[in-house]
């Protein structure tokens, strides 16, 4: 079978049209990328096994190190919570003392200074319960302020 496209060059078609179409397709290069993410205090179990095969006992030491770090973090969080609670209690006592002083001043015919002192004490109590009940809030705010200055 002879076809003459453009009338110049004879083209011979042999076989079926499916074979011709597959011959016209270009090869495609396909790339497959695999990535893995492991987040945690310990290495991935496969890596932990490799450490153990290189240095016998390394896996036990790494796990013990992670356990000690966890215990240390728990102790630090407990101390921060206790310090925050102590601050809240201290501010509450200071606020009550200030309000009491203001009330005493009002009773002794010093209405304006007594009112100002009482409102200051009330502000201390309110601000303590708004801002002081979570010590981590103020630390996170300080970190963000420090990083934005850099």
Protein backbone atom coordinates (compact mmCIF):
# COMPACT_ATOMS: atom_id res chain seq x y z
CA UNK A 1 0.00 0.00 0.00
CA UNK A 2 1.58 3.27 -1.05
CA UNK A 3 0.54 6.65 0.19
CA UNK A 4 2.17 9.81 -0.97
CA UNK A 5 1.77 12.64 1.50
CA UNK A 6 2.76 15.97 0.04
CA UNK A 7 3.07 14.16 -3.27
CA UNK A 8 6.89 13.81 -2.96
CA UNK A 9 7.97 10.87 -0.82
CA UNK A 10 6.31 7.47 -1.01
CA UNK A 11 5.39 6.08 2.45
CA UNK A 12 4.73 2.40 2.91
CA UNK A 13 2.43 1.39 5.74
CA UNK A 14 2.91 -2.17 6.93
CA UNK A 15 0.84 -3.75 9.70
CA UNK A 16 -2.10 -2.47 11.62
CA UNK A 17 -2.72 1.09 12.75
CA UNK A 18 -2.23 0.26 16.49
CA UNK A 19 1.39 -0.69 15.87
CA UNK A 20 1.94 2.54 13.99
CA UNK A 21 0.41 4.63 16.81
CA UNK A 22 2.54 2.93 19.46
CA UNK A 23 5.66 3.56 17.39
CA UNK A 24 4.84 7.26 17.32
CA UNK A 25 4.62 7.60 21.10
CA UNK A 26 7.56 9.10 22.89
CA UNK A 27 9.09 7.44 25.91
CA UNK A 28 8.27 9.05 29.25
CA UNK A 29 10.66 9.15 32.16
CA UNK A 30 8.86 8.64 35.44
CA UNK A 31 10.52 9.50 38.70
CA UNK A 32 9.22 8.18 42.00
CA UNK A 33 10.42 9.78 45.19
CA UNK A 34 9.90 8.24 48.62
CA UNK A 35 10.31 10.20 51.79
CA UNK A 36 9.67 9.30 55.38
CA UNK A 37 9.27 11.47 58.44
CA UNK A 38 9.60 10.21 61.97
CA UNK A 39 8.96 12.58 64.84
CA UNK A 40 9.56 11.60 68.42
CA UNK A 41 12.11 11.38 71.17
CA UNK A 42 13.44 8.08 69.88
CA UNK A 43 14.89 7.28 66.46
CA UNK A 44 12.86 5.21 64.01
CA UNK A 45 12.90 1.53 65.06
CA UNK A 46 14.89 0.62 61.96
CA UNK A 47 17.59 3.16 62.87
CA UNK A 48 17.51 2.03 66.49
CA UNK A 49 18.22 -1.51 65.27
CA UNK A 50 21.14 -0.25 63.20
CA UNK A 51 22.59 1.54 66.25
CA UNK A 52 22.23 -1.68 68.22
CA UNK A 53 23.99 -3.70 65.51
CA UNK A 54 26.91 -1.24 65.42
CA UNK A 55 27.26 -0.77 69.17
CA UNK A 56 25.69 -3.48 71.35
CA UNK A 57 23.63 -1.90 74.12
CA UNK A 58 23.22 1.40 72.26
CA UNK A 59 19.45 0.97 71.89
CA UNK A 60 19.05 0.54 75.67
CA UNK A 61 21.18 3.61 76.31
CA UNK A 62 19.19 5.70 73.80
CA UNK A 63 15.88 4.61 75.34
CA UNK A 64 17.16 5.35 78.86
CA UNK A 65 18.30 8.78 77.67
CA UNK A 66 14.80 9.50 76.28
CA UNK A 67 13.17 8.32 79.52
CA UNK A 68 15.44 10.57 81.60
CA UNK A 69 14.66 13.55 79.35
CA UNK A 70 10.93 12.89 79.70
CA UNK A 71 11.18 12.71 83.50
CA UNK A 72 13.19 15.95 83.53
CA UNK A 73 10.56 17.71 81.38
CA UNK A 74 7.77 16.53 83.66
CA UNK A 75 9.63 17.87 86.70
CA UNK A 76 10.27 21.23 85.02
CA UNK A 77 6.62 21.55 83.97
CA UNK A 78 5.51 20.76 87.52
CA UNK A 79 7.88 23.40 88.93
CA UNK A 80 6.63 25.99 86.44
CA UNK A 81 3.04 25.21 87.37
CA UNK A 82 3.86 25.54 91.10
CA UNK A 83 5.62 28.87 90.52
CA UNK A 84 2.65 30.12 88.51
CA UNK A 85 0.25 29.08 91.25
CA UNK A 86 2.39 30.81 93.89
CA UNK A 87 2.33 33.99 91.77
CA UNK A 88 -1.45 33.89 91.44
CA UNK A 89 -1.91 33.38 95.18
CA UNK A 90 0.55 36.18 96.00
CA UNK A 91 -1.17 38.60 93.63
CA UNK A 92 -4.57 37.70 95.08
CA UNK A 93 -3.36 38.36 98.63
CA UNK A 94 -1.74 41.63 97.55
CA UNK A 95 -4.95 42.69 95.76
CA UNK A 96 -7.08 41.91 98.81
CA UNK A 97 -4.71 43.85 101.06
CA UNK A 98 -4.82 46.83 98.68
CA UNK A 99 -8.62 46.74 98.52
CA UNK A 100 -8.78 46.53 102.31
CA UNK A 101 -6.45 49.52 102.62
CA UNK A 102 -8.65 51.46 100.20
CA UNK A 103 -11.78 50.61 102.17
CA UNK A 104 -10.10 51.72 105.40
CA UNK A 105 -9.08 55.00 103.73
CA UNK A 106 -12.66 55.54 102.55
CA UNK A 107 -13.94 54.89 106.10
CA UNK A 108 -11.49 57.54 107.41
CA UNK A 109 -13.01 60.20 105.09
CA UNK A 110 -10.41 59.87 102.32
CA UNK A 111 -12.86 58.86 99.60
CA UNK A 112 -10.87 59.73 96.46
CA UNK A 113 -7.50 58.22 97.48
CA UNK A 114 -9.29 55.22 99.01
CA UNK A 115 -11.27 54.64 95.80
CA UNK A 116 -8.12 54.87 93.67
CA UNK A 117 -6.27 52.40 95.90
CA UNK A 118 -9.24 50.00 95.94
CA UNK A 119 -9.58 50.09 92.15
CA UNK A 120 -5.84 49.43 91.84
CA UNK A 121 -6.20 46.38 94.06
CA UNK A 122 -9.19 45.20 92.06
CA UNK A 123 -7.18 45.66 88.85
CA UNK A 124 -4.38 43.57 90.33
CA UNK A 125 -6.74 40.70 91.08
CA UNK A 126 -8.46 40.85 87.69
CA UNK A 127 -5.20 41.05 85.73
CA UNK A 128 -3.79 38.16 87.76
CA UNK A 129 -6.66 35.89 86.86
CA UNK A 130 -6.67 36.98 83.22
CA UNK A 131 -2.93 36.87 82.52
CA UNK A 132 -1.34 35.05 85.43
CA UNK A 133 -3.16 31.73 85.53
CA UNK A 134 -1.06 30.23 82.72
CA UNK A 135 2.67 30.94 83.07
CA UNK A 136 3.33 29.53 79.58
CA UNK A 137 1.25 32.27 77.90
CA UNK A 138 3.61 35.02 78.95
CA UNK A 139 6.71 33.00 78.01
CA UNK A 140 5.39 32.26 74.51
CA UNK A 141 4.63 35.93 74.01
CA UNK A 142 8.16 36.86 75.12
CA UNK A 143 9.68 34.32 72.70
CA UNK A 144 7.67 35.71 69.79
CA UNK A 145 8.74 39.25 70.66
CA UNK A 146 12.41 38.22 70.82
CA UNK A 147 12.32 36.39 67.50
CA UNK A 148 10.65 39.31 65.73
CA UNK A 149 13.41 41.67 66.89
CA UNK A 150 16.12 39.59 65.17
